[in-house]
């Protein structure tokens, strides 16, 4: 047979062209990070598994490409950096779609809707820590200032009118006299009333009557303020976070949410570090994505999730800008949703996680 060099050339060129077309590449490099229950690392195979990984397997089948190479990163921030730099072709875990992230990378349609929730200790808090938080809070100090300020004003008024007519009980000298008048003012307001000090002048007794009436309202304010502290010490929702140290994972949407509010934010590099800080009562709560907090609370009796879902968000697949795979994967996600595949996938992975 005579050789046909041009046929060989066409075959070689066709092979190269076919290999370069989107969707027929041998495999994609996909970034992910541990985000239970969406992504786990199997202890035996050391490969990622979970809801998001199985979803990607479905997408991979529809794309008709080879088995993807998963690259596991330590944090969401590292995953997003790898996507932006083009180190990976895509990334999937529990990556929230945000306007800020969309400025540097692209996202698929959302495939899972969720939001933030709050994780707290499900056991008694150290009473010394509670007492110290009450005692040194700005609210308590303000209440003390009101009580002592009012008592000091009444003490000055009484001493001014009693110092000449009643110098035995209220000395004429300022500091000894004010001290005795303050003592009288305080024991009168608290209804202790030892009776060792009492005004004798008409004006002094009038001041005493006014002060006794006013003290009812002053101490009612003090009591109500302290009672409100006990209520605010319990975290039941996002509005209860403002008086406490709250933990979040750096580089996540929960950290961004807390940073934009007057909250004492403590950022951690890993979720495990945040959970340990909560157990050691270094922080009062952890704010993060609802699925991962519910998953942890169901498996650790020290924790419970409180409050309703807030700051709702959607998870999506991240791509480098202008990725040739984004539109194709969007169509696949829509197809999986319309055919009920996404719902079936959720039911299989979260069947026992009814709160998710």
Protein backbone atom coordinates (compact mmCIF):
# COMPACT_ATOMS: atom_id res chain seq x y z
CA UNK A 1 0.00 0.00 0.00
CA UNK A 2 1.19 3.44 -0.80
CA UNK A 3 1.39 5.73 2.18
CA UNK A 4 -0.80 8.79 2.25
CA UNK A 5 1.06 11.41 4.32
CA UNK A 6 -1.80 13.89 4.04
CA UNK A 7 -4.20 11.47 5.75
CA UNK A 8 -1.82 11.11 8.70
CA UNK A 9 -1.51 14.89 8.96
CA UNK A 10 -5.27 15.35 8.99
CA UNK A 11 -5.66 12.71 11.69
CA UNK A 12 -3.01 14.31 13.87
CA UNK A 13 -4.46 17.81 13.44
CA UNK A 14 -7.97 16.52 14.16
CA UNK A 15 -6.80 14.81 17.32
CA UNK A 16 -5.16 17.96 18.59
CA UNK A 17 -8.19 20.08 17.75
CA UNK A 18 -10.54 17.59 19.43
CA UNK A 19 -8.45 17.58 22.59
CA UNK A 20 -8.54 21.37 22.78
CA UNK A 21 -12.32 21.72 22.50
CA UNK A 22 -14.18 22.59 25.74
CA UNK A 23 -15.89 19.60 27.27
CA UNK A 24 -13.66 16.97 25.66
CA UNK A 25 -10.55 17.58 27.70
CA UNK A 26 -9.28 14.55 29.55
CA UNK A 27 -10.05 16.01 32.98
CA UNK A 28 -10.52 19.21 34.95
CA UNK A 29 -8.74 20.37 38.06
CA UNK A 30 -11.38 21.16 40.68
CA UNK A 31 -10.71 22.97 43.95
CA UNK A 32 -12.60 22.19 47.15
CA UNK A 33 -12.27 22.35 50.93
CA UNK A 34 -13.70 20.37 53.83
CA UNK A 35 -17.17 21.72 54.50
CA UNK A 36 -19.29 19.12 56.27
CA UNK A 37 -21.78 17.87 55.23
CA UNK A 38 -21.08 19.05 51.67
CA UNK A 39 -17.47 17.93 51.47
CA UNK A 40 -15.64 15.31 53.57
CA UNK A 41 -12.28 13.69 53.05
CA UNK A 42 -12.60 9.91 53.22
CA UNK A 43 -10.15 8.56 55.79
CA UNK A 44 -9.34 5.45 53.77
CA UNK A 45 -9.16 6.73 50.20
CA UNK A 46 -8.20 10.27 51.27
CA UNK A 47 -10.48 11.53 48.50
CA UNK A 48 -13.24 14.12 48.94
CA UNK A 49 -16.81 12.84 49.18
CA UNK A 50 -20.13 14.45 50.03
CA UNK A 51 -23.14 16.22 48.54
CA UNK A 52 -21.10 18.73 46.50
CA UNK A 53 -18.69 16.07 45.25
CA UNK A 54 -21.53 13.82 44.11
CA UNK A 55 -23.15 16.78 42.38
CA UNK A 56 -19.90 17.42 40.54
CA UNK A 57 -19.77 13.75 39.51
CA UNK A 58 -23.20 14.19 37.90
CA UNK A 59 -22.00 17.32 36.11
CA UNK A 60 -18.83 15.54 35.02
CA UNK A 61 -20.89 12.75 33.44
CA UNK A 62 -23.03 15.25 31.54
CA UNK A 63 -19.91 17.07 30.33
CA UNK A 64 -18.55 13.75 29.02
CA UNK A 65 -15.07 14.36 30.34
CA UNK A 66 -12.65 12.18 32.24
CA UNK A 67 -12.46 11.92 36.00
CA UNK A 68 -11.64 15.29 37.55
CA UNK A 69 -8.64 15.89 39.75
CA UNK A 70 -9.74 17.33 43.11
CA UNK A 71 -7.41 19.70 44.95
CA UNK A 72 -8.31 20.11 48.65
CA UNK A 73 -7.48 23.51 50.16
CA UNK A 74 -7.43 24.53 53.81
CA UNK A 75 -10.00 27.32 53.56
CA UNK A 76 -12.57 28.97 51.33
CA UNK A 77 -10.22 31.93 50.90
CA UNK A 78 -7.51 29.61 49.52
CA UNK A 79 -10.01 27.98 47.14
CA UNK A 80 -11.18 31.32 45.78
CA UNK A 81 -7.58 32.50 45.34
CA UNK A 82 -6.81 29.35 43.32
CA UNK A 83 -9.87 29.99 41.14
CA UNK A 84 -8.93 33.61 40.55
CA UNK A 85 -5.36 32.74 39.61
CA UNK A 86 -6.45 29.94 37.26
CA UNK A 87 -4.74 27.28 39.34
CA UNK A 88 -7.99 25.26 39.16
CA UNK A 89 -10.62 25.10 36.44
CA UNK A 90 -13.52 25.23 38.91
CA UNK A 91 -14.28 25.01 42.61
CA UNK A 92 -17.13 23.42 44.53
CA UNK A 93 -17.81 22.97 48.25
CA UNK A 94 -20.16 25.36 50.03
CA UNK A 95 -19.12 28.53 48.25
CA UNK A 96 -21.54 31.41 48.69
CA UNK A 97 -22.34 33.57 45.67
CA UNK A 98 -21.67 37.23 46.57
CA UNK A 99 -21.36 40.47 44.62
CA UNK A 100 -17.86 41.05 45.99
CA UNK A 101 -16.59 37.66 44.86
CA UNK A 102 -18.27 38.09 41.47
CA UNK A 103 -15.91 41.02 40.79
CA UNK A 104 -12.92 38.69 40.36
CA UNK A 105 -14.41 35.28 39.54
CA UNK A 106 -17.53 33.87 37.90
CA UNK A 107 -20.26 31.70 39.42
CA UNK A 108 -22.70 29.13 38.18
CA UNK A 109 -26.39 29.29 38.98
CA UNK A 110 -27.07 28.58 42.65
CA UNK A 111 -27.59 24.90 43.40
CA UNK A 112 -28.35 25.08 47.15
CA UNK A 113 -30.17 27.79 49.12
CA UNK A 114 -29.28 28.33 52.76
CA UNK A 115 -28.19 31.11 55.14
CA UNK A 116 -26.46 31.82 58.43
CA UNK A 117 -27.29 30.50 61.89
CA UNK A 118 -25.80 30.68 65.38
CA UNK A 119 -24.05 27.93 67.35
CA UNK A 120 -23.93 28.22 71.16
CA UNK A 121 -22.96 26.01 74.10
CA UNK A 122 -25.72 23.69 75.26
CA UNK A 123 -24.46 23.59 78.84
CA UNK A 124 -24.28 26.06 81.75
CA UNK A 125 -21.86 28.95 81.33
CA UNK A 126 -19.26 29.60 84.03
CA UNK A 127 -21.10 31.69 86.70
CA UNK A 128 -17.97 33.73 87.42
CA UNK A 129 -17.78 34.66 83.75
CA UNK A 130 -21.46 35.65 83.78
CA UNK A 131 -21.02 37.75 86.93
CA UNK A 132 -17.95 39.53 85.57
CA UNK A 133 -19.70 40.20 82.26
CA UNK A 134 -22.62 41.72 84.17
CA UNK A 135 -20.46 43.72 86.56
CA UNK A 136 -18.17 45.29 84.01
CA UNK A 137 -20.63 45.80 81.18
CA UNK A 138 -21.26 49.36 80.03
CA UNK A 139 -24.95 48.97 80.90
CA UNK A 140 -24.21 48.02 84.52
CA UNK A 141 -21.69 50.83 84.91
CA UNK A 142 -24.24 53.27 83.52
CA UNK A 143 -26.88 52.05 86.00
CA UNK A 144 -24.44 52.42 88.90
CA UNK A 145 -23.57 55.92 87.71
CA UNK A 146 -27.25 56.94 87.73
CA UNK A 147 -27.82 55.58 91.26
CA UNK A 148 -24.67 57.05 92.79
CA UNK A 149 -25.11 60.33 90.92
CA UNK A 150 -28.67 60.78 92.20
CA UNK A 151 -27.61 59.86 95.75
CA UNK A 152 -24.73 62.33 95.58
CA UNK A 153 -27.01 65.17 94.43
CA UNK A 154 -29.45 64.57 97.28
CA UNK A 155 -26.51 64.34 99.72
CA UNK A 156 -25.21 67.77 98.67
CA UNK A 157 -28.65 69.37 98.99
CA UNK A 158 -29.22 67.88 102.45
CA UNK A 159 -25.75 68.78 103.72
CA UNK A 160 -26.08 72.36 102.47
CA UNK A 161 -29.27 73.00 104.52
CA UNK A 162 -28.37 70.84 107.54
CA UNK A 163 -24.73 71.69 108.15
CA UNK A 164 -25.50 74.75 110.34
CA UNK A 165 -28.60 73.49 112.21
CA UNK A 166 -27.45 69.88 112.58
CA UNK A 167 -23.61 69.85 112.62
CA UNK A 168 -23.48 66.81 114.93
CA UNK A 169 -24.94 64.57 112.22
CA UNK A 170 -23.75 66.53 109.17
CA UNK A 171 -20.41 68.28 109.94
CA UNK A 172 -19.76 71.73 108.48
CA UNK A 173 -16.50 70.65 106.88
CA UNK A 174 -17.13 69.58 103.31
CA UNK A 175 -15.66 66.08 103.06
CA UNK A 176 -16.78 64.76 106.47
CA UNK A 177 -20.19 66.39 105.99
CA UNK A 178 -20.74 65.07 102.43
CA UNK A 179 -19.70 61.59 103.50
CA UNK A 180 -22.29 61.52 106.28
CA UNK A 181 -24.95 62.99 103.98
CA UNK A 182 -24.13 60.44 101.29
CA UNK A 183 -24.43 57.64 103.84
CA UNK A 184 -27.86 58.94 104.86
CA UNK A 185 -28.91 59.32 101.21
CA UNK A 186 -27.94 55.79 100.29
CA UNK A 187 -29.46 53.95 103.27
CA UNK A 188 -32.66 55.98 102.85
CA UNK A 189 -32.93 55.14 99.17
CA UNK A 190 -32.37 51.44 99.83
CA UNK A 191 -35.02 51.54 102.60
CA UNK A 192 -32.48 50.21 105.10
CA UNK A 193 -32.95 53.34 107.23
CA UNK A 194 -30.67 52.82 110.23
CA UNK A 195 -31.98 56.02 111.80
CA UNK A 196 -28.52 57.17 112.93
CA UNK A 197 -28.82 60.19 110.65
CA UNK A 198 -31.94 62.29 110.10
CA UNK A 199 -32.61 65.88 108.96
CA UNK A 200 -34.02 68.37 111.44
CA UNK A 201 -34.69 71.51 109.38
CA UNK A 202 -37.94 71.97 107.46
CA UNK A 203 -36.07 72.24 104.15
CA UNK A 204 -33.94 69.22 105.03
CA UNK A 205 -36.99 67.08 105.72
CA UNK A 206 -38.64 68.31 102.51
CA UNK A 207 -35.51 67.22 100.63
CA UNK A 208 -35.72 63.85 102.39
CA UNK A 209 -39.34 63.35 101.29
CA UNK A 210 -38.53 64.22 97.68
CA UNK A 211 -35.50 61.95 97.72
CA UNK A 212 -37.44 59.01 99.16
CA UNK A 213 -40.01 59.34 96.39
CA UNK A 214 -37.38 59.77 93.67
CA UNK A 215 -35.34 56.84 94.99
CA UNK A 216 -38.22 54.49 94.19
CA UNK A 217 -37.85 55.31 90.50
CA UNK A 218 -34.03 55.39 90.61
CA UNK A 219 -33.77 51.87 92.05
CA UNK A 220 -36.58 50.61 89.83
CA UNK A 221 -34.45 51.74 86.87
CA UNK A 222 -31.40 50.00 88.36
CA UNK A 223 -33.30 46.73 88.91
CA UNK A 224 -34.78 46.78 85.42
CA UNK A 225 -31.37 47.43 83.89
CA UNK A 226 -29.77 44.46 85.68
CA UNK A 227 -32.71 42.25 84.72
CA UNK A 228 -32.34 43.25 81.08
CA UNK A 229 -28.70 42.15 81.20
CA UNK A 230 -29.76 38.62 82.08
CA UNK A 231 -32.10 38.63 79.09
CA UNK A 232 -29.41 39.94 76.78
CA UNK A 233 -26.90 37.34 77.99
CA UNK A 234 -28.99 34.68 76.25
CA UNK A 235 -28.29 34.43 72.54
CA UNK A 236 -31.39 33.46 70.60
CA UNK A 237 -30.89 35.33 67.33
CA UNK A 238 -28.74 37.82 65.41
CA UNK A 239 -29.99 40.78 67.48
CA UNK A 240 -28.50 39.19 70.62
CA UNK A 241 -24.93 39.12 69.26
CA UNK A 242 -23.99 42.73 69.94
CA UNK A 243 -22.91 42.40 73.60
CA UNK A 244 -20.65 39.38 73.11
CA UNK A 245 -17.48 38.04 71.50
CA UNK A 246 -18.63 36.14 68.42
CA UNK A 247 -16.54 33.77 66.32
CA UNK A 248 -16.49 33.29 62.55
CA UNK A 249 -14.17 31.76 59.97
CA UNK A 250 -12.00 34.29 58.18
CA UNK A 251 -12.68 34.79 54.50
CA UNK A 252 -16.30 33.61 54.77
CA UNK A 253 -19.60 35.42 54.27
CA UNK A 254 -20.37 35.02 57.98
CA UNK A 255 -17.22 36.99 58.87
CA UNK A 256 -18.19 39.68 56.36
CA UNK A 257 -21.70 39.85 57.82
CA UNK A 258 -20.42 40.29 61.38
CA UNK A 259 -17.67 42.73 60.38
CA UNK A 260 -20.26 45.11 58.96
CA UNK A 261 -22.02 45.33 62.34
CA UNK A 262 -20.98 46.59 65.80
CA UNK A 263 -20.06 43.11 67.02
CA UNK A 264 -16.90 41.93 68.82
CA UNK A 265 -15.76 39.66 65.99
CA UNK A 266 -13.10 37.00 66.59
CA UNK A 267 -11.90 35.37 63.36
CA UNK A 268 -10.49 31.84 63.16
CA UNK A 269 -8.59 30.09 60.39
CA UNK A 270 -10.50 26.80 60.82
CA UNK A 271 -13.93 25.77 62.02
CA UNK A 272 -12.43 23.38 64.53
CA UNK A 273 -10.52 26.23 66.16
CA UNK A 274 -13.75 28.22 66.46
CA UNK A 275 -15.59 25.26 68.00
CA UNK A 276 -12.83 24.72 70.56
CA UNK A 277 -12.84 28.42 71.49
CA UNK A 278 -16.59 28.16 72.07
CA UNK A 279 -16.14 25.10 74.28
CA UNK A 280 -13.50 26.94 76.29
CA UNK A 281 -15.91 29.91 76.60
CA UNK A 282 -13.46 32.30 74.96
CA UNK A 283 -16.35 33.34 72.72
CA UNK A 284 -20.09 33.17 73.26
CA UNK A 285 -21.20 31.91 69.84
CA UNK A 286 -20.09 30.91 66.35
CA UNK A 287 -21.88 32.28 63.29
CA UNK A 288 -21.57 30.25 60.10
CA UNK A 289 -23.55 28.56 57.35
CA UNK A 290 -26.59 26.73 58.67
CA UNK A 291 -25.84 23.25 57.23
CA UNK A 292 -22.39 22.93 58.75
CA UNK A 293 -23.54 24.20 62.19
CA UNK A 294 -26.55 21.87 62.25
CA UNK A 295 -24.34 18.97 61.22
CA UNK A 296 -21.91 19.72 64.05
CA UNK A 297 -24.60 20.26 66.69
CA UNK A 298 -26.28 16.93 65.87
CA UNK A 299 -23.01 15.15 66.54
CA UNK A 300 -21.70 17.11 69.53
CA UNK A 301 -23.94 17.31 72.65
CA UNK A 302 -22.06 20.39 73.88
CA UNK A 303 -23.58 22.52 71.11
CA UNK A 304 -26.99 23.62 69.89
CA UNK A 305 -28.11 25.86 67.03
CA UNK A 306 -30.40 28.76 67.95
CA UNK A 307 -32.51 31.29 66.10
CA UNK A 308 -33.93 31.28 62.62
CA UNK A 309 -32.10 31.37 59.32
CA UNK A 310 -30.82 34.86 58.44
CA UNK A 311 -28.69 36.49 55.73
CA UNK A 312 -29.95 33.99 53.16
CA UNK A 313 -27.50 32.93 50.47
CA UNK A 314 -26.92 30.43 47.69
CA UNK A 315 -24.03 28.08 47.00
CA UNK A 316 -22.59 28.01 43.52
CA UNK A 317 -19.68 26.59 41.54
CA UNK A 318 -16.83 29.09 41.10
CA UNK A 319 -14.92 29.54 37.83
CA UNK A 320 -12.09 31.74 36.60
CA UNK A 321 -13.44 34.67 34.61
CA UNK A 322 -14.52 33.82 31.05
CA UNK A 323 -14.40 30.09 31.73
CA UNK A 324 -15.60 28.04 28.74
CA UNK A 325 -17.32 25.60 31.15
CA UNK A 326 -19.61 28.04 33.00
CA UNK A 327 -22.50 28.19 30.54
CA UNK A 328 -22.41 24.47 29.84
CA UNK A 329 -22.52 23.67 33.56
CA UNK A 330 -25.33 26.18 34.07
CA UNK A 331 -27.40 24.30 31.52
CA UNK A 332 -26.59 21.02 33.25
CA UNK A 333 -27.64 22.42 36.64
CA UNK A 334 -30.95 23.61 35.19
CA UNK A 335 -31.49 20.18 33.64
CA UNK A 336 -30.72 18.41 36.94
CA UNK A 337 -33.14 20.72 38.74
CA UNK A 338 -35.93 20.28 36.21
CA UNK A 339 -35.55 16.49 36.27
CA UNK A 340 -35.65 16.41 40.08
CA UNK A 341 -32.06 15.21 40.39
CA UNK A 342 -31.02 18.05 42.72
CA UNK A 343 -33.97 17.36 45.01
CA UNK A 344 -33.20 13.64 45.04
CA UNK A 345 -29.58 14.39 45.86
CA UNK A 346 -30.63 16.61 48.78
CA UNK A 347 -33.03 13.98 50.09
CA UNK A 348 -30.34 11.33 50.05
CA UNK A 349 -27.70 13.41 51.82
CA UNK A 350 -29.90 15.38 54.18
CA UNK A 351 -32.74 12.96 54.84
CA UNK A 352 -31.87 12.82 58.54
CA UNK A 353 -30.97 16.52 58.67
CA UNK A 354 -34.58 17.76 58.66
CA UNK A 355 -33.63 21.23 59.88
CA UNK A 356 -31.45 21.79 56.83
